[in-house]
Amino acid sequence: MTLETTKWDVQDSLQTPEDCALYIQAALEEAGDDPAYMAAVLGDVARSRGMAQTARAAGLTREGLYKAVGPDGNPSYATMVKILRALGLRFSVVAVPGVEMTS
């Protein structure tokens, strides 16, 4: 019996803003403090929406967007906020259950 596989691309699954938000949220939980991982995730979402359109809406050049979310990208917080806003998304902070603040 031969196993048949098909190529899977995350961008095909990012059809709605809700899909994109859930993908980014899951990545935030997995990324820890890895900015390159988050840059790649933002790149996935931007590509699913169209890089040129996302760059224009974020006030970036297309090349600047590719650089920010590329393998060596290390986008600033301001750039990430611009990209998220262009995608109709925003950062949100929630309390982690079971973690107490120390004084």
N, C-alpha and C. Protein backbone atom coordinates (compact mmCIF):
# COMPACT_ATOMS: atom_id res chain seq x y z
N MET A 1 0.85 -1.18 0.00
CA MET A 1 0.00 0.00 0.00
C MET A 1 0.90 1.24 0.00
N THR A 2 0.63 2.15 -0.90
CA THR A 2 1.41 3.37 -1.03
C THR A 2 0.70 4.51 -0.30
N LEU A 3 1.47 5.19 0.51
CA LEU A 3 0.94 6.34 1.23
C LEU A 3 1.00 7.56 0.32
N GLU A 4 -0.14 8.18 0.13
CA GLU A 4 -0.19 9.38 -0.69
C GLU A 4 -0.26 10.60 0.22
N THR A 5 0.54 11.58 -0.10
CA THR A 5 0.54 12.81 0.68
C THR A 5 0.27 13.99 -0.25
N THR A 6 -0.18 15.05 0.34
CA THR A 6 -0.37 16.28 -0.42
C THR A 6 0.35 17.40 0.32
N LYS A 7 0.81 18.35 -0.45
CA LYS A 7 1.52 19.46 0.16
C LYS A 7 0.52 20.31 0.93
N TRP A 8 0.92 20.69 2.14
CA TRP A 8 0.08 21.54 2.98
C TRP A 8 0.78 22.87 3.15
N ASP A 9 0.05 23.93 2.97
CA ASP A 9 0.59 25.28 3.15
C ASP A 9 -0.32 26.02 4.11
N VAL A 10 0.25 26.52 5.20
CA VAL A 10 -0.55 27.20 6.22
C VAL A 10 -1.33 28.35 5.63
N GLN A 11 -0.80 28.98 4.62
CA GLN A 11 -1.48 30.14 4.03
C GLN A 11 -2.85 29.77 3.47
N ASP A 12 -3.00 28.53 3.03
CA ASP A 12 -4.30 28.08 2.52
C ASP A 12 -5.34 27.99 3.63
N SER A 13 -4.88 27.87 4.88
CA SER A 13 -5.79 27.74 6.02
C SER A 13 -6.12 29.08 6.67
N LEU A 14 -5.45 30.14 6.25
CA LEU A 14 -5.66 31.46 6.85
C LEU A 14 -6.63 32.26 5.99
N GLN A 15 -7.89 31.90 6.06
CA GLN A 15 -8.91 32.48 5.19
C GLN A 15 -9.65 33.66 5.80
N THR A 16 -9.73 33.71 7.12
CA THR A 16 -10.49 34.78 7.77
C THR A 16 -9.60 35.47 8.81
N PRO A 17 -9.99 36.67 9.23
CA PRO A 17 -9.24 37.32 10.31
C PRO A 17 -9.18 36.46 11.57
N GLU A 18 -10.24 35.71 11.84
CA GLU A 18 -10.26 34.84 13.01
C GLU A 18 -9.22 33.73 12.88
N ASP A 19 -9.11 33.13 11.66
CA ASP A 19 -8.09 32.11 11.41
C ASP A 19 -6.70 32.69 11.69
N CYS A 20 -6.46 33.88 11.18
CA CYS A 20 -5.16 34.53 11.34
C CYS A 20 -4.88 34.82 12.81
N ALA A 21 -5.87 35.31 13.52
CA ALA A 21 -5.71 35.62 14.95
C ALA A 21 -5.39 34.36 15.74
N LEU A 22 -6.09 33.27 15.47
CA LEU A 22 -5.83 32.02 16.19
C LEU A 22 -4.44 31.48 15.88
N TYR A 23 -4.01 31.60 14.64
CA TYR A 23 -2.67 31.15 14.23
C TYR A 23 -1.59 31.95 14.97
N ILE A 24 -1.76 33.27 15.00
CA ILE A 24 -0.78 34.12 15.68
C ILE A 24 -0.80 33.85 17.18
N GLN A 25 -1.97 33.68 17.76
CA GLN A 25 -2.08 33.40 19.20
C GLN A 25 -1.37 32.09 19.55
N ALA A 26 -1.58 31.06 18.76
CA ALA A 26 -0.91 29.78 19.00
C ALA A 26 0.60 29.95 18.88
N ALA A 27 1.03 30.73 17.91
CA ALA A 27 2.47 30.96 17.72
C ALA A 27 3.06 31.72 18.90
N LEU A 28 2.33 32.70 19.41
CA LEU A 28 2.82 33.45 20.58
C LEU A 28 3.03 32.53 21.77
N GLU A 29 2.16 31.55 21.92
CA GLU A 29 2.28 30.61 23.03
C GLU A 29 3.47 29.67 22.84
N GLU A 30 3.81 29.37 21.59
CA GLU A 30 4.90 28.46 21.30
C GLU A 30 6.25 29.15 21.15
N ALA A 31 6.26 30.41 20.72
CA ALA A 31 7.49 31.09 20.34
C ALA A 31 8.40 31.42 21.51
N GLY A 32 7.83 31.58 22.68
CA GLY A 32 8.65 32.03 23.80
C GLY A 32 9.18 33.42 23.50
N ASP A 33 10.49 33.56 23.49
CA ASP A 33 11.07 34.87 23.21
C ASP A 33 11.83 34.88 21.88
N ASP A 34 11.36 34.10 20.92
CA ASP A 34 12.02 33.99 19.62
C ASP A 34 11.41 34.95 18.61
N PRO A 35 12.01 36.12 18.40
CA PRO A 35 11.44 37.10 17.47
C PRO A 35 11.45 36.62 16.03
N ALA A 36 12.41 35.78 15.65
CA ALA A 36 12.47 35.29 14.28
C ALA A 36 11.26 34.39 13.98
N TYR A 37 10.86 33.61 14.97
CA TYR A 37 9.69 32.74 14.81
C TYR A 37 8.43 33.59 14.59
N MET A 38 8.28 34.63 15.41
CA MET A 38 7.11 35.50 15.26
C MET A 38 7.14 36.27 13.95
N ALA A 39 8.32 36.68 13.52
CA ALA A 39 8.44 37.36 12.23
C ALA A 39 7.98 36.43 11.11
N ALA A 40 8.37 35.16 11.19
CA ALA A 40 7.95 34.19 10.18
C ALA A 40 6.43 33.98 10.19
N VAL A 41 5.86 33.95 11.37
CA VAL A 41 4.41 33.78 11.50
C VAL A 41 3.68 34.99 10.90
N LEU A 42 4.16 36.19 11.21
CA LEU A 42 3.56 37.39 10.61
C LEU A 42 3.72 37.35 9.09
N GLY A 43 4.84 36.83 8.62
CA GLY A 43 5.04 36.67 7.18
C GLY A 43 4.04 35.72 6.56
N ASP A 44 3.76 34.61 7.24
CA ASP A 44 2.75 33.67 6.74
C ASP A 44 1.40 34.36 6.58
N VAL A 45 1.02 35.11 7.59
CA VAL A 45 -0.28 35.78 7.56
C VAL A 45 -0.29 36.86 6.48
N ALA A 46 0.79 37.64 6.40
CA ALA A 46 0.87 38.69 5.38
C ALA A 46 0.81 38.09 3.98
N ARG A 47 1.50 36.98 3.75
CA ARG A 47 1.45 36.34 2.42
C ARG A 47 0.04 35.83 2.12
N SER A 48 -0.66 35.36 3.14
CA SER A 48 -2.02 34.86 2.90
C SER A 48 -2.96 35.98 2.47
N ARG A 49 -2.64 37.19 2.86
CA ARG A 49 -3.47 38.35 2.53
C ARG A 49 -2.93 39.13 1.34
N GLY A 50 -1.69 38.84 0.96
CA GLY A 50 -1.05 39.54 -0.15
C GLY A 50 0.00 40.51 0.39
N MET A 51 1.24 40.26 0.04
CA MET A 51 2.34 41.08 0.58
C MET A 51 2.25 42.53 0.14
N ALA A 52 1.96 42.77 -1.12
CA ALA A 52 1.91 44.16 -1.60
C ALA A 52 0.80 44.92 -0.90
N GLN A 53 -0.36 44.32 -0.79
CA GLN A 53 -1.50 44.97 -0.13
C GLN A 53 -1.20 45.20 1.35
N THR A 54 -0.62 44.21 2.02
CA THR A 54 -0.30 44.35 3.44
C THR A 54 0.74 45.44 3.65
N ALA A 55 1.77 45.46 2.80
CA ALA A 55 2.81 46.49 2.92
C ALA A 55 2.22 47.87 2.75
N ARG A 56 1.40 48.04 1.75
CA ARG A 56 0.77 49.34 1.49
C ARG A 56 -0.06 49.78 2.68
N ALA A 57 -0.87 48.88 3.21
CA ALA A 57 -1.74 49.21 4.34
C ALA A 57 -0.93 49.49 5.61
N ALA A 58 0.26 48.89 5.73
CA ALA A 58 1.11 49.09 6.90
C ALA A 58 2.01 50.30 6.77
N GLY A 59 2.02 50.91 5.59
CA GLY A 59 2.90 52.05 5.37
C GLY A 59 4.35 51.65 5.18
N LEU A 60 4.55 50.44 4.67
CA LEU A 60 5.89 49.92 4.41
C LEU A 60 6.05 49.67 2.92
N THR A 61 7.29 49.58 2.47
CA THR A 61 7.51 49.13 1.10
C THR A 61 7.35 47.62 1.09
N ARG A 62 7.06 47.07 -0.06
CA ARG A 62 6.95 45.63 -0.19
C ARG A 62 8.26 44.96 0.23
N GLU A 63 9.38 45.54 -0.22
CA GLU A 63 10.70 45.01 0.12
C GLU A 63 10.95 45.10 1.63
N GLY A 64 10.52 46.21 2.23
CA GLY A 64 10.68 46.37 3.67
C GLY A 64 9.89 45.33 4.45
N LEU A 65 8.70 45.02 3.96
CA LEU A 65 7.89 44.00 4.62
C LEU A 65 8.56 42.64 4.49
N TYR A 66 9.03 42.31 3.28
CA TYR A 66 9.73 41.04 3.09
C TYR A 66 10.95 40.95 4.02
N LYS A 67 11.69 42.04 4.16
CA LYS A 67 12.87 42.05 5.02
C LYS A 67 12.48 41.85 6.48
N ALA A 68 11.42 42.52 6.92
CA ALA A 68 11.00 42.44 8.31
C ALA A 68 10.55 41.03 8.70
N VAL A 69 9.88 40.33 7.79
CA VAL A 69 9.32 39.01 8.12
C VAL A 69 10.14 37.87 7.53
N GLY A 70 11.29 38.20 6.94
CA GLY A 70 12.15 37.18 6.34
C GLY A 70 12.93 36.40 7.37
N PRO A 71 13.73 35.46 6.92
CA PRO A 71 14.49 34.59 7.82
C PRO A 71 15.41 35.35 8.77
N ASP A 72 15.95 36.46 8.35
CA ASP A 72 16.83 37.25 9.22
C ASP A 72 16.10 38.45 9.80
N GLY A 73 14.78 38.48 9.62
CA GLY A 73 14.00 39.61 10.10
C GLY A 73 13.96 39.69 11.61
N ASN A 74 13.96 40.89 12.09
CA ASN A 74 13.83 41.16 13.51
C ASN A 74 13.03 42.45 13.63
N PRO A 75 11.73 42.37 13.27
CA PRO A 75 10.94 43.60 13.22
C PRO A 75 10.79 44.24 14.60
N SER A 76 10.79 45.55 14.61
CA SER A 76 10.55 46.27 15.86
C SER A 76 9.10 46.07 16.27
N TYR A 77 8.82 46.40 17.51
CA TYR A 77 7.45 46.34 18.00
C TYR A 77 6.55 47.22 17.13
N ALA A 78 7.04 48.42 16.79
CA ALA A 78 6.25 49.35 15.98
C ALA A 78 5.92 48.74 14.62
N THR A 79 6.87 48.05 14.01
CA THR A 79 6.63 47.41 12.72
C THR A 79 5.62 46.28 12.86
N MET A 80 5.74 45.49 13.92
CA MET A 80 4.78 44.40 14.13
C MET A 80 3.37 44.95 14.31
N VAL A 81 3.24 46.05 15.06
CA VAL A 81 1.93 46.65 15.27
C VAL A 81 1.37 47.15 13.94
N LYS A 82 2.20 47.77 13.11
CA LYS A 82 1.75 48.25 11.80
C LYS A 82 1.27 47.09 10.93
N ILE A 83 2.02 46.00 10.94
CA ILE A 83 1.63 44.84 10.14
C ILE A 83 0.32 44.25 10.65
N LEU A 84 0.21 44.07 11.95
CA LEU A 84 -1.03 43.54 12.52
C LEU A 84 -2.21 44.44 12.19
N ARG A 85 -2.04 45.74 12.36
CA ARG A 85 -3.12 46.68 12.06
C ARG A 85 -3.53 46.57 10.59
N ALA A 86 -2.55 46.45 9.71
CA ALA A 86 -2.84 46.31 8.28
C ALA A 86 -3.64 45.03 7.99
N LEU A 87 -3.45 44.03 8.84
CA LEU A 87 -4.16 42.76 8.68
C LEU A 87 -5.50 42.74 9.42
N GLY A 88 -5.83 43.85 10.08
CA GLY A 88 -7.08 43.92 10.83
C GLY A 88 -6.98 43.23 12.17
N LEU A 89 -5.76 43.15 12.73
CA LEU A 89 -5.52 42.47 13.99
C LEU A 89 -4.82 43.41 14.96
N ARG A 90 -4.73 43.00 16.23
CA ARG A 90 -3.97 43.76 17.22
C ARG A 90 -3.51 42.81 18.32
N PHE A 91 -2.47 43.24 19.04
CA PHE A 91 -1.99 42.47 20.18
C PHE A 91 -3.00 42.59 21.32
N SER A 92 -3.05 41.56 22.15
CA SER A 92 -3.89 41.57 23.33
C SER A 92 -3.13 40.84 24.43
N VAL A 93 -3.30 41.29 25.64
CA VAL A 93 -2.60 40.69 26.77
C VAL A 93 -3.62 40.06 27.70
N VAL A 94 -3.32 38.85 28.17
CA VAL A 94 -4.19 38.17 29.12
C VAL A 94 -3.35 37.66 30.27
N ALA A 95 -3.96 37.53 31.42
CA ALA A 95 -3.28 37.00 32.59
C ALA A 95 -3.08 35.50 32.42
N VAL A 96 -1.94 35.02 32.88
CA VAL A 96 -1.65 33.59 32.84
C VAL A 96 -2.19 32.97 34.12
N PRO A 97 -3.09 32.00 34.00
CA PRO A 97 -3.66 31.37 35.20
C PRO A 97 -2.57 30.74 36.05
N GLY A 98 -2.69 30.92 37.36
CA GLY A 98 -1.77 30.28 38.29
C GLY A 98 -0.43 31.00 38.49
N VAL A 99 -0.25 32.12 37.83
CA VAL A 99 1.00 32.87 38.01
C VAL A 99 0.72 34.05 38.92
N GLU A 100 1.43 34.07 40.03
CA GLU A 100 1.25 35.15 40.99
C GLU A 100 2.29 36.23 40.77
N MET A 101 1.89 37.47 40.94
CA MET A 101 2.83 38.58 40.86
C MET A 101 3.64 38.63 42.15
N THR A 102 4.90 38.94 42.01
CA THR A 102 5.74 39.09 43.21
C THR A 102 5.97 40.56 43.47
N SER A 103 6.21 40.89 44.71
CA SER A 103 6.47 42.31 45.03
C SER A 103 7.86 42.52 45.52
